[in-house]
Amino acid sequence: MSKHEFLTSTLTPNVEVAGQSVDAKPMQYSTGSVGYNLNGKVTLPNGVRLQISGNAIVIGSKTWA
């Protein structure tokens, strides 16, 4: 797979936190690797609001064309 194919793919995983879905978006990092960036807000059943953020980097993608 190439970096371009990855970044334009329609496959975008979502993560469930407290029963609420947060979408991950493909991105290329300054290191040259590609992966998914996750940002969103969820509300817990007790009313506490959380801001969620995270990265999932594809292992070995730095060497992709």
PDB file of N, CA and C in Angstrom:
ATOM      1  N   MET A   1       0.851  -1.178   0.000  1.00  0.00           N
ATOM      2  CA  MET A   1       0.000   0.000   0.000  1.00  0.00           C
ATOM      3  C   MET A   1       0.899   1.245   0.000  1.00  0.00           C
ATOM      4  N   SER A   2       0.450   2.283  -0.686  1.00  0.00           N
ATOM      5  CA  SER A   2       1.186   3.542  -0.667  1.00  0.00           C
ATOM      6  C   SER A   2       0.564   4.482   0.362  1.00  0.00           C
ATOM      7  N   LYS A   3       1.299   5.518   0.700  1.00  0.00           N
ATOM      8  CA  LYS A   3       0.766   6.509   1.641  1.00  0.00           C
ATOM      9  C   LYS A   3      -0.467   7.184   1.063  1.00  0.00           C
ATOM     10  N   HIS A   4      -0.431   7.472  -0.249  1.00  0.00           N
ATOM     11  CA  HIS A   4      -1.573   8.119  -0.902  1.00  0.00           C
ATOM     12  C   HIS A   4      -2.812   7.225  -0.830  1.00  0.00           C
ATOM     13  N   GLU A   5      -2.649   5.931  -1.099  1.00  0.00           N
ATOM     14  CA  GLU A   5      -3.775   4.993  -1.029  1.00  0.00           C
ATOM     15  C   GLU A   5      -4.358   4.962   0.389  1.00  0.00           C
ATOM     16  N   PHE A   6      -3.489   4.944   1.370  1.00  0.00           N
ATOM     17  CA  PHE A   6      -3.949   4.921   2.759  1.00  0.00           C
ATOM     18  C   PHE A   6      -4.735   6.190   3.092  1.00  0.00           C
ATOM     19  N   LEU A   7      -4.172   7.338   2.749  1.00  0.00           N
ATOM     20  CA  LEU A   7      -4.781   8.621   3.120  1.00  0.00           C
ATOM     21  C   LEU A   7      -6.098   8.877   2.403  1.00  0.00           C
ATOM     22  N   THR A   8      -6.305   8.277   1.224  1.00  0.00           N
ATOM     23  CA  THR A   8      -7.549   8.484   0.480  1.00  0.00           C
ATOM     24  C   THR A   8      -8.529   7.327   0.645  1.00  0.00           C
ATOM     25  N   SER A   9      -8.182   6.349   1.455  1.00  0.00           N
ATOM     26  CA  SER A   9      -9.055   5.198   1.702  1.00  0.00           C
ATOM     27  C   SER A   9     -10.317   5.622   2.454  1.00  0.00           C
ATOM     28  N   THR A  10     -11.409   4.942   2.161  1.00  0.00           N
ATOM     29  CA  THR A  10     -12.668   5.233   2.861  1.00  0.00           C
ATOM     30  C   THR A  10     -12.778   4.466   4.180  1.00  0.00           C
ATOM     31  N   LEU A  11     -11.820   3.596   4.456  1.00  0.00           N
ATOM     32  CA  LEU A  11     -11.825   2.850   5.717  1.00  0.00           C
ATOM     33  C   LEU A  11     -11.376   3.774   6.842  1.00  0.00           C
ATOM     34  N   THR A  12     -12.301   4.171   7.686  1.00  0.00           N
ATOM     35  CA  THR A  12     -11.972   4.999   8.840  1.00  0.00           C
ATOM     36  C   THR A  12     -12.554   4.356  10.089  1.00  0.00           C
ATOM     37  N   PRO A  13     -11.695   3.817  10.935  1.00  0.00           N
ATOM     38  CA  PRO A  13     -12.197   3.158  12.139  1.00  0.00           C
ATOM     39  C   PRO A  13     -12.809   4.165  13.107  1.00  0.00           C
ATOM     40  N   ASN A  14     -13.713   3.673  13.925  1.00  0.00           N
ATOM     41  CA  ASN A  14     -14.221   4.512  14.998  1.00  0.00           C
ATOM     42  C   ASN A  14     -13.990   3.783  16.313  1.00  0.00           C
ATOM     43  N   VAL A  15     -13.873   4.548  17.361  1.00  0.00           N
ATOM     44  CA  VAL A  15     -13.608   4.013  18.694  1.00  0.00           C
ATOM     45  C   VAL A  15     -14.819   4.326  19.557  1.00  0.00           C
ATOM     46  N   GLU A  16     -15.238   3.353  20.336  1.00  0.00           N
ATOM     47  CA  GLU A  16     -16.386   3.562  21.206  1.00  0.00           C
ATOM     48  C   GLU A  16     -15.907   3.811  22.630  1.00  0.00           C
ATOM     49  N   VAL A  17     -16.359   4.920  23.196  1.00  0.00           N
ATOM     50  CA  VAL A  17     -16.036   5.287  24.574  1.00  0.00           C
ATOM     51  C   VAL A  17     -17.350   5.578  25.282  1.00  0.00           C
ATOM     52  N   ALA A  18     -17.631   4.859  26.336  1.00  0.00           N
ATOM     53  CA  ALA A  18     -18.865   5.035  27.108  1.00  0.00           C
ATOM     54  C   ALA A  18     -20.092   4.949  26.202  1.00  0.00           C
ATOM     55  N   GLY A  19     -20.039   4.043  25.220  1.00  0.00           N
ATOM     56  CA  GLY A  19     -21.175   3.836  24.327  1.00  0.00           C
ATOM     57  C   GLY A  19     -21.325   4.891  23.249  1.00  0.00           C
ATOM     58  N   GLN A  20     -20.366   5.795  23.127  1.00  0.00           N
ATOM     59  CA  GLN A  20     -20.430   6.849  22.114  1.00  0.00           C
ATOM     60  C   GLN A  20     -19.269   6.682  21.142  1.00  0.00           C
ATOM     61  N   SER A  21     -19.561   6.852  19.869  1.00  0.00           N
ATOM     62  CA  SER A  21     -18.582   6.644  18.827  1.00  0.00           C
ATOM     63  C   SER A  21     -17.765   7.912  18.560  1.00  0.00           C
ATOM     64  N   VAL A  22     -16.455   7.736  18.441  1.00  0.00           N
ATOM     65  CA  VAL A  22     -15.558   8.833  18.092  1.00  0.00           C
ATOM     66  C   VAL A  22     -14.800   8.386  16.834  1.00  0.00           C
ATOM     67  N   ASP A  23     -14.891   9.151  15.756  1.00  0.00           N
ATOM     68  CA  ASP A  23     -14.270   8.774  14.495  1.00  0.00           C
ATOM     69  C   ASP A  23     -12.781   9.096  14.482  1.00  0.00           C
ATOM     70  N   ALA A  24     -12.032   8.235  13.814  1.00  0.00           N
ATOM     71  CA  ALA A  24     -10.605   8.453  13.607  1.00  0.00           C
ATOM     72  C   ALA A  24     -10.393   8.852  12.150  1.00  0.00           C
ATOM     73  N   LYS A  25      -9.533   9.813  11.917  1.00  0.00           N
ATOM     74  CA  LYS A  25      -9.272  10.308  10.573  1.00  0.00           C
ATOM     75  C   LYS A  25      -7.849   9.957  10.156  1.00  0.00           C
ATOM     76  N   PRO A  26      -7.662   9.514   8.903  1.00  0.00           N
ATOM     77  CA  PRO A  26      -6.304   9.212   8.453  1.00  0.00           C
ATOM     78  C   PRO A  26      -5.465  10.474   8.360  1.00  0.00           C
ATOM     79  N   MET A  27      -4.182  10.341   8.660  1.00  0.00           N
ATOM     80  CA  MET A  27      -3.294  11.504   8.562  1.00  0.00           C
ATOM     81  C   MET A  27      -1.858  11.047   8.366  1.00  0.00           C
ATOM     82  N   GLN A  28      -1.038  11.965   7.845  1.00  0.00           N
ATOM     83  CA  GLN A  28       0.388  11.718   7.720  1.00  0.00           C
ATOM     84  C   GLN A  28       1.091  12.581   8.759  1.00  0.00           C
ATOM     85  N   TYR A  29       1.980  11.961   9.507  1.00  0.00           N
ATOM     86  CA  TYR A  29       2.684  12.648  10.580  1.00  0.00           C
ATOM     87  C   TYR A  29       3.982  13.259  10.063  1.00  0.00           C
ATOM     88  N   SER A  30       4.542  14.183  10.805  1.00  0.00           N
ATOM     89  CA  SER A  30       5.761  14.873  10.391  1.00  0.00           C
ATOM     90  C   SER A  30       6.947  13.910  10.263  1.00  0.00           C
ATOM     91  N   THR A  31       6.863  12.746  10.875  1.00  0.00           N
ATOM     92  CA  THR A  31       7.934  11.752  10.790  1.00  0.00           C
ATOM     93  C   THR A  31       7.913  11.011   9.456  1.00  0.00           C
ATOM     94  N   GLY A  32       6.811  11.145   8.689  1.00  0.00           N
ATOM     95  CA  GLY A  32       6.654  10.430   7.425  1.00  0.00           C
ATOM     96  C   GLY A  32       5.749   9.225   7.546  1.00  0.00           C
ATOM     97  N   SER A  33       5.431   8.801   8.752  1.00  0.00           N
ATOM     98  CA  SER A  33       4.515   7.685   8.959  1.00  0.00           C
ATOM     99  C   SER A  33       3.075   8.142   8.746  1.00  0.00           C
ATOM    100  N   VAL A  34       2.195   7.173   8.469  1.00  0.00           N
ATOM    101  CA  VAL A  34       0.768   7.461   8.373  1.00  0.00           C
ATOM    102  C   VAL A  34       0.034   6.672   9.439  1.00  0.00           C
ATOM    103  N   GLY A  35      -1.164   7.116   9.747  1.00  0.00           N
ATOM    104  CA  GLY A  35      -1.973   6.443  10.750  1.00  0.00           C
ATOM    105  C   GLY A  35      -3.282   7.174  10.922  1.00  0.00           C
ATOM    106  N   TYR A  36      -3.879   7.018  12.081  1.00  0.00           N
ATOM    107  CA  TYR A  36      -5.167   7.633  12.372  1.00  0.00           C
ATOM    108  C   TYR A  36      -5.048   8.568  13.568  1.00  0.00           C
ATOM    109  N   ASN A  37      -5.744   9.682  13.480  1.00  0.00           N
ATOM    110  CA  ASN A  37      -5.812  10.649  14.559  1.00  0.00           C
ATOM    111  C   ASN A  37      -7.245  10.656  15.070  1.00  0.00           C
ATOM    112  N   LEU A  38      -7.394  10.629  16.369  1.00  0.00           N
ATOM    113  CA  LEU A  38      -8.702  10.540  17.008  1.00  0.00           C
ATOM    114  C   LEU A  38      -8.908  11.736  17.924  1.00  0.00           C
ATOM    115  N   ASN A  39      -9.998  12.441  17.726  1.00  0.00           N
ATOM    116  CA  ASN A  39     -10.367  13.571  18.589  1.00  0.00           C
ATOM    117  C   ASN A  39     -11.876  13.613  18.741  1.00  0.00           C
ATOM    118  N   GLY A  40     -12.339  13.887  19.937  1.00  0.00           N
ATOM    119  CA  GLY A  40     -13.770  14.007  20.152  1.00  0.00           C
ATOM    120  C   GLY A  40     -14.098  14.237  21.613  1.00  0.00           C
ATOM    121  N   LYS A  41     -15.371  14.427  21.865  1.00  0.00           N
ATOM    122  CA  LYS A  41     -15.852  14.621  23.235  1.00  0.00           C
ATOM    123  C   LYS A  41     -16.979  13.639  23.493  1.00  0.00           C
ATOM    124  N   VAL A  42     -16.992  13.088  24.694  1.00  0.00           N
ATOM    125  CA  VAL A  42     -18.055  12.173  25.108  1.00  0.00           C
ATOM    126  C   VAL A  42     -18.530  12.574  26.497  1.00  0.00           C
ATOM    127  N   THR A  43     -19.756  12.191  26.805  1.00  0.00           N
ATOM    128  CA  THR A  43     -20.328  12.444  28.126  1.00  0.00           C
ATOM    129  C   THR A  43     -20.585  11.104  28.796  1.00  0.00           C
ATOM    130  N   LEU A  44     -20.040  10.924  29.983  1.00  0.00           N
ATOM    131  CA  LEU A  44     -20.244   9.702  30.753  1.00  0.00           C
ATOM    132  C   LEU A  44     -21.658   9.697  31.330  1.00  0.00           C
ATOM    133  N   PRO A  45     -22.156   8.527  31.715  1.00  0.00           N
ATOM    134  CA  PRO A  45     -23.505   8.454  32.276  1.00  0.00           C
ATOM    135  C   PRO A  45     -23.726   9.341  33.503  1.00  0.00           C
ATOM    136  N   ASN A  46     -22.660   9.652  34.251  1.00  0.00           N
ATOM    137  CA  ASN A  46     -22.800  10.497  35.434  1.00  0.00           C
ATOM    138  C   ASN A  46     -22.728  11.999  35.097  1.00  0.00           C
ATOM    139  N   GLY A  47     -22.654  12.325  33.795  1.00  0.00           N
ATOM    140  CA  GLY A  47     -22.652  13.715  33.372  1.00  0.00           C
ATOM    141  C   GLY A  47     -21.268  14.317  33.165  1.00  0.00           C
ATOM    142  N   VAL A  48     -20.218  13.580  33.522  1.00  0.00           N
ATOM    143  CA  VAL A  48     -18.856  14.075  33.335  1.00  0.00           C
ATOM    144  C   VAL A  48     -18.520  14.055  31.843  1.00  0.00           C
ATOM    145  N   ARG A  49     -17.989  15.184  31.346  1.00  0.00           N
ATOM    146  CA  ARG A  49     -17.605  15.262  29.929  1.00  0.00           C
ATOM    147  C   ARG A  49     -16.108  15.022  29.802  1.00  0.00           C
ATOM    148  N   LEU A  50     -15.744  14.242  28.797  1.00  0.00           N
ATOM    149  CA  LEU A  50     -14.343  13.923  28.541  1.00  0.00           C
ATOM    150  C   LEU A  50     -13.955  14.371  27.146  1.00  0.00           C
ATOM    151  N   GLN A  51     -12.738  14.862  27.001  1.00  0.00           N
ATOM    152  CA  GLN A  51     -12.181  15.120  25.677  1.00  0.00           C
ATOM    153  C   GLN A  51     -11.233  13.969  25.390  1.00  0.00           C
ATOM    154  N   ILE A  52     -11.451  13.313  24.265  1.00  0.00           N
ATOM    155  CA  ILE A  52     -10.691  12.128  23.892  1.00  0.00           C
ATOM    156  C   ILE A  52      -9.742  12.496  22.753  1.00  0.00           C
ATOM    157  N   SER A  53      -8.490  12.060  22.844  1.00  0.00           N
ATOM    158  CA  SER A  53      -7.559  12.247  21.735  1.00  0.00           C
ATOM    159  C   SER A  53      -6.583  11.088  21.709  1.00  0.00           C
ATOM    160  N   GLY A  54      -6.118  10.752  20.517  1.00  0.00           N
ATOM    161  CA  GLY A  54      -5.162   9.664  20.408  1.00  0.00           C
ATOM    162  C   GLY A  54      -4.658   9.493  18.993  1.00  0.00           C
ATOM    163  N   ASN A  55      -3.616   8.696  18.850  1.00  0.00           N
ATOM    164  CA  ASN A  55      -3.014   8.388  17.564  1.00  0.00           C
ATOM    165  C   ASN A  55      -2.831   6.883  17.445  1.00  0.00           C
ATOM    166  N   ALA A  56      -2.983   6.378  16.245  1.00  0.00           N
ATOM    167  CA  ALA A  56      -2.681   4.985  15.930  1.00  0.00           C
ATOM    168  C   ALA A  56      -1.831   5.002  14.671  1.00  0.00           C
ATOM    169  N   ILE A  57      -0.549   4.723  14.810  1.00  0.00           N
ATOM    170  CA  ILE A  57       0.386   4.798  13.697  1.00  0.00           C
ATOM    171  C   ILE A  57       0.543   3.414  13.085  1.00  0.00           C
ATOM    172  N   VAL A  58       0.518   3.353  11.753  1.00  0.00           N
ATOM    173  CA  VAL A  58       0.695   2.087  11.048  1.00  0.00           C
ATOM    174  C   VAL A  58       2.177   1.717  11.096  1.00  0.00           C
ATOM    175  N   ILE A  59       2.465   0.578  11.695  1.00  0.00           N
ATOM    176  CA  ILE A  59       3.845   0.127  11.845  1.00  0.00           C
ATOM    177  C   ILE A  59       4.448  -0.122  10.465  1.00  0.00           C
ATOM    178  N   GLY A  60       5.611   0.473  10.231  1.00  0.00           N
ATOM    179  CA  GLY A  60       6.319   0.297   8.967  1.00  0.00           C
ATOM    180  C   GLY A  60       5.909   1.238   7.855  1.00  0.00           C
ATOM    181  N   SER A  61       4.942   2.105   8.100  1.00  0.00           N
ATOM    182  CA  SER A  61       4.439   2.974   7.032  1.00  0.00           C
ATOM    183  C   SER A  61       5.425   4.073   6.651  1.00  0.00           C
ATOM    184  N   LYS A  62       6.404   4.329   7.462  1.00  0.00           N
ATOM    185  CA  LYS A  62       7.398   5.358   7.149  1.00  0.00           C
ATOM    186  C   LYS A  62       8.151   5.020   5.863  1.00  0.00           C
ATOM    187  N   THR A  63       8.281   3.743   5.575  1.00  0.00           N
ATOM    188  CA  THR A  63       9.019   3.308   4.388  1.00  0.00           C
ATOM    189  C   THR A  63       8.139   3.116   3.161  1.00  0.00           C
ATOM    190  N   TRP A  64       6.819   3.318   3.283  1.00  0.00           N
ATOM    191  CA  TRP A  64       5.932   3.201   2.126  1.00  0.00           C
ATOM    192  C   TRP A  64       6.238   4.289   1.111  1.00  0.00           C
ATOM    193  N   ALA A  65       5.988   3.972  -0.156  1.00  0.00           N
ATOM    194  CA  ALA A  65       6.210   4.968  -1.229  1.00  0.00           C
ATOM    195  C   ALA A  65       5.181   6.078  -1.165  1.00  0.00           C
TER     196      ALA A  65
END
